[in-house]
Amino acid sequence: MEARLVEIEIKLSYAEDTLDELNRTVFRQQEQIDRLQQLVIRLSNQLQDMAPAERRDLGEERPPHY
């Protein structure tokens, strides 16, 4: 009985360590996701700032050599 209790305690300890490591991994991944989302927003804003003010249909515009 004592040996089984010790075995269960050892397994519980390993499970707790694994859970702690998984929590740290998820936390780091969420931080990285947050940074990437902020970067995407900044890049999107930069693209919008670079876009021309008026939109033209380039299909009907004559090329410069005509």
N, C-alpha and C. Protein backbone atom coordinates (compact mmCIF):
# COMPACT_ATOMS: atom_id res chain seq x y z
N MET A 1 0.82 -1.20 0.00
CA MET A 1 0.00 0.00 0.00
C MET A 1 0.87 1.27 0.00
N GLU A 2 1.90 1.25 0.82
CA GLU A 2 2.81 2.40 0.91
C GLU A 2 3.50 2.66 -0.43
N ALA A 3 3.93 1.60 -1.09
CA ALA A 3 4.62 1.74 -2.38
C ALA A 3 3.69 2.32 -3.43
N ARG A 4 2.44 1.91 -3.42
CA ARG A 4 1.47 2.45 -4.38
C ARG A 4 1.24 3.93 -4.13
N LEU A 5 1.18 4.33 -2.88
CA LEU A 5 0.99 5.74 -2.55
C LEU A 5 2.18 6.58 -3.01
N VAL A 6 3.37 6.06 -2.81
CA VAL A 6 4.58 6.76 -3.27
C VAL A 6 4.57 6.86 -4.79
N GLU A 7 4.18 5.79 -5.47
CA GLU A 7 4.13 5.81 -6.94
C GLU A 7 3.13 6.85 -7.44
N ILE A 8 1.99 6.93 -6.80
CA ILE A 8 0.96 7.91 -7.18
C ILE A 8 1.48 9.33 -6.94
N GLU A 9 2.17 9.55 -5.83
CA GLU A 9 2.72 10.86 -5.53
C GLU A 9 3.77 11.27 -6.56
N ILE A 10 4.58 10.30 -6.99
CA ILE A 10 5.59 10.58 -8.01
C ILE A 10 4.92 10.96 -9.32
N LYS A 11 3.92 10.18 -9.71
CA LYS A 11 3.20 10.48 -10.94
C LYS A 11 2.51 11.84 -10.87
N LEU A 12 1.95 12.17 -9.72
CA LEU A 12 1.31 13.47 -9.55
C LEU A 12 2.33 14.60 -9.68
N SER A 13 3.50 14.39 -9.11
CA SER A 13 4.55 15.39 -9.21
C SER A 13 4.96 15.62 -10.66
N TYR A 14 5.13 14.54 -11.42
CA TYR A 14 5.45 14.67 -12.85
C TYR A 14 4.32 15.38 -13.61
N ALA A 15 3.11 15.03 -13.28
CA ALA A 15 1.96 15.66 -13.95
C ALA A 15 1.91 17.15 -13.65
N GLU A 16 2.18 17.54 -12.41
CA GLU A 16 2.19 18.96 -12.04
C GLU A 16 3.30 19.70 -12.77
N ASP A 17 4.49 19.08 -12.86
CA ASP A 17 5.59 19.70 -13.60
C ASP A 17 5.23 19.88 -15.08
N THR A 18 4.62 18.86 -15.66
CA THR A 18 4.21 18.94 -17.06
C THR A 18 3.18 20.03 -17.26
N LEU A 19 2.22 20.12 -16.36
CA LEU A 19 1.20 21.15 -16.46
C LEU A 19 1.79 22.55 -16.32
N ASP A 20 2.74 22.71 -15.41
CA ASP A 20 3.41 24.01 -15.26
C ASP A 20 4.16 24.39 -16.54
N GLU A 21 4.86 23.43 -17.13
CA GLU A 21 5.59 23.71 -18.37
C GLU A 21 4.63 24.05 -19.51
N LEU A 22 3.53 23.34 -19.59
CA LEU A 22 2.52 23.65 -20.63
C LEU A 22 1.93 25.04 -20.42
N ASN A 23 1.68 25.41 -19.18
CA ASN A 23 1.16 26.75 -18.90
C ASN A 23 2.15 27.82 -19.32
N ARG A 24 3.43 27.60 -19.03
CA ARG A 24 4.45 28.57 -19.44
C ARG A 24 4.53 28.67 -20.96
N THR A 25 4.41 27.52 -21.63
CA THR A 25 4.46 27.50 -23.09
C THR A 25 3.27 28.26 -23.68
N VAL A 26 2.09 28.01 -23.16
CA VAL A 26 0.89 28.71 -23.66
C VAL A 26 1.01 30.21 -23.40
N PHE A 27 1.53 30.59 -22.25
CA PHE A 27 1.71 32.00 -21.92
C PHE A 27 2.66 32.67 -22.92
N ARG A 28 3.81 32.01 -23.19
CA ARG A 28 4.76 32.58 -24.15
C ARG A 28 4.16 32.66 -25.55
N GLN A 29 3.40 31.65 -25.94
CA GLN A 29 2.77 31.67 -27.26
C GLN A 29 1.75 32.79 -27.35
N GLN A 30 0.98 33.03 -26.29
CA GLN A 30 0.00 34.10 -26.32
C GLN A 30 0.69 35.45 -26.42
N GLU A 31 1.81 35.61 -25.72
CA GLU A 31 2.58 36.86 -25.85
C GLU A 31 3.04 37.06 -27.29
N GLN A 32 3.51 35.99 -27.91
CA GLN A 32 3.97 36.08 -29.29
C GLN A 32 2.80 36.39 -30.23
N ILE A 33 1.66 35.78 -30.02
CA ILE A 33 0.47 36.07 -30.83
C ILE A 33 0.09 37.53 -30.69
N ASP A 34 0.11 38.05 -29.47
CA ASP A 34 -0.23 39.46 -29.24
C ASP A 34 0.73 40.38 -29.99
N ARG A 35 2.04 40.07 -29.93
CA ARG A 35 3.03 40.90 -30.65
C ARG A 35 2.79 40.83 -32.15
N LEU A 36 2.51 39.64 -32.67
CA LEU A 36 2.27 39.49 -34.11
C LEU A 36 1.00 40.22 -34.54
N GLN A 37 -0.03 40.19 -33.72
CA GLN A 37 -1.26 40.92 -34.05
C GLN A 37 -0.99 42.42 -34.11
N GLN A 38 -0.22 42.92 -33.17
CA GLN A 38 0.13 44.35 -33.19
C GLN A 38 0.93 44.70 -34.44
N LEU A 39 1.84 43.81 -34.82
CA LEU A 39 2.64 44.04 -36.02
C LEU A 39 1.76 44.04 -37.27
N VAL A 40 0.82 43.13 -37.36
CA VAL A 40 -0.08 43.08 -38.51
C VAL A 40 -0.90 44.36 -38.59
N ILE A 41 -1.36 44.85 -37.46
CA ILE A 41 -2.14 46.09 -37.45
C ILE A 41 -1.28 47.25 -37.93
N ARG A 42 -0.04 47.33 -37.42
CA ARG A 42 0.85 48.43 -37.85
C ARG A 42 1.15 48.35 -39.34
N LEU A 43 1.42 47.14 -39.83
CA LEU A 43 1.71 46.99 -41.25
C LEU A 43 0.48 47.31 -42.10
N SER A 44 -0.68 46.92 -41.64
CA SER A 44 -1.91 47.24 -42.36
C SER A 44 -2.12 48.75 -42.43
N ASN A 45 -1.87 49.42 -41.33
CA ASN A 45 -2.01 50.89 -41.31
C ASN A 45 -1.00 51.54 -42.25
N GLN A 46 0.23 51.01 -42.29
CA GLN A 46 1.22 51.56 -43.20
C GLN A 46 0.81 51.37 -44.65
N LEU A 47 0.24 50.22 -44.97
CA LEU A 47 -0.22 49.98 -46.33
C LEU A 47 -1.35 50.93 -46.70
N GLN A 48 -2.26 51.16 -45.77
CA GLN A 48 -3.36 52.09 -46.05
C GLN A 48 -2.84 53.51 -46.26
N ASP A 49 -1.82 53.89 -45.50
CA ASP A 49 -1.23 55.22 -45.66
C ASP A 49 -0.52 55.36 -47.00
N MET A 50 0.00 54.26 -47.53
CA MET A 50 0.72 54.30 -48.80
C MET A 50 -0.22 54.22 -49.99
N ALA A 51 -1.45 53.79 -49.80
CA ALA A 51 -2.39 53.63 -50.90
C ALA A 51 -2.74 54.99 -51.50
N PRO A 52 -2.93 55.04 -52.81
CA PRO A 52 -3.32 56.32 -53.42
C PRO A 52 -4.69 56.77 -52.92
N ALA A 53 -4.85 58.09 -52.88
CA ALA A 53 -6.10 58.66 -52.36
C ALA A 53 -7.28 58.32 -53.27
N GLU A 54 -7.06 58.40 -54.59
CA GLU A 54 -8.15 58.09 -55.51
C GLU A 54 -7.90 56.74 -56.16
N ARG A 55 -8.92 56.01 -56.33
CA ARG A 55 -8.79 54.70 -56.96
C ARG A 55 -9.21 54.84 -58.43
N ARG A 56 -8.35 54.34 -59.31
CA ARG A 56 -8.64 54.42 -60.73
C ARG A 56 -8.75 53.02 -61.29
N ASP A 57 -9.52 52.89 -62.34
CA ASP A 57 -9.62 51.61 -63.03
C ASP A 57 -8.48 51.55 -64.04
N LEU A 58 -7.45 50.81 -63.71
CA LEU A 58 -6.27 50.77 -64.56
C LEU A 58 -6.51 50.00 -65.85
N GLY A 59 -7.57 49.24 -65.90
CA GLY A 59 -7.88 48.49 -67.11
C GLY A 59 -8.25 49.41 -68.28
N GLU A 60 -8.80 50.57 -68.01
CA GLU A 60 -9.22 51.49 -69.06
C GLU A 60 -8.21 52.61 -69.28
N GLU A 61 -7.18 52.67 -68.48
CA GLU A 61 -6.19 53.74 -68.63
C GLU A 61 -5.22 53.39 -69.77
N ARG A 62 -4.89 54.39 -70.56
CA ARG A 62 -3.97 54.16 -71.67
C ARG A 62 -2.54 54.10 -71.15
N PRO A 63 -1.76 53.18 -71.67
CA PRO A 63 -0.35 53.10 -71.28
C PRO A 63 0.39 54.37 -71.69
N PRO A 64 1.48 54.72 -71.03
CA PRO A 64 2.20 55.97 -71.31
C PRO A 64 2.82 56.04 -72.70
N HIS A 65 3.03 54.95 -73.41
CA HIS A 65 3.66 55.01 -74.72
C HIS A 65 2.65 55.31 -75.83
N TYR A 66 1.38 55.53 -75.54
CA TYR A 66 0.40 55.88 -76.57
C TYR A 66 0.25 57.35 -76.70
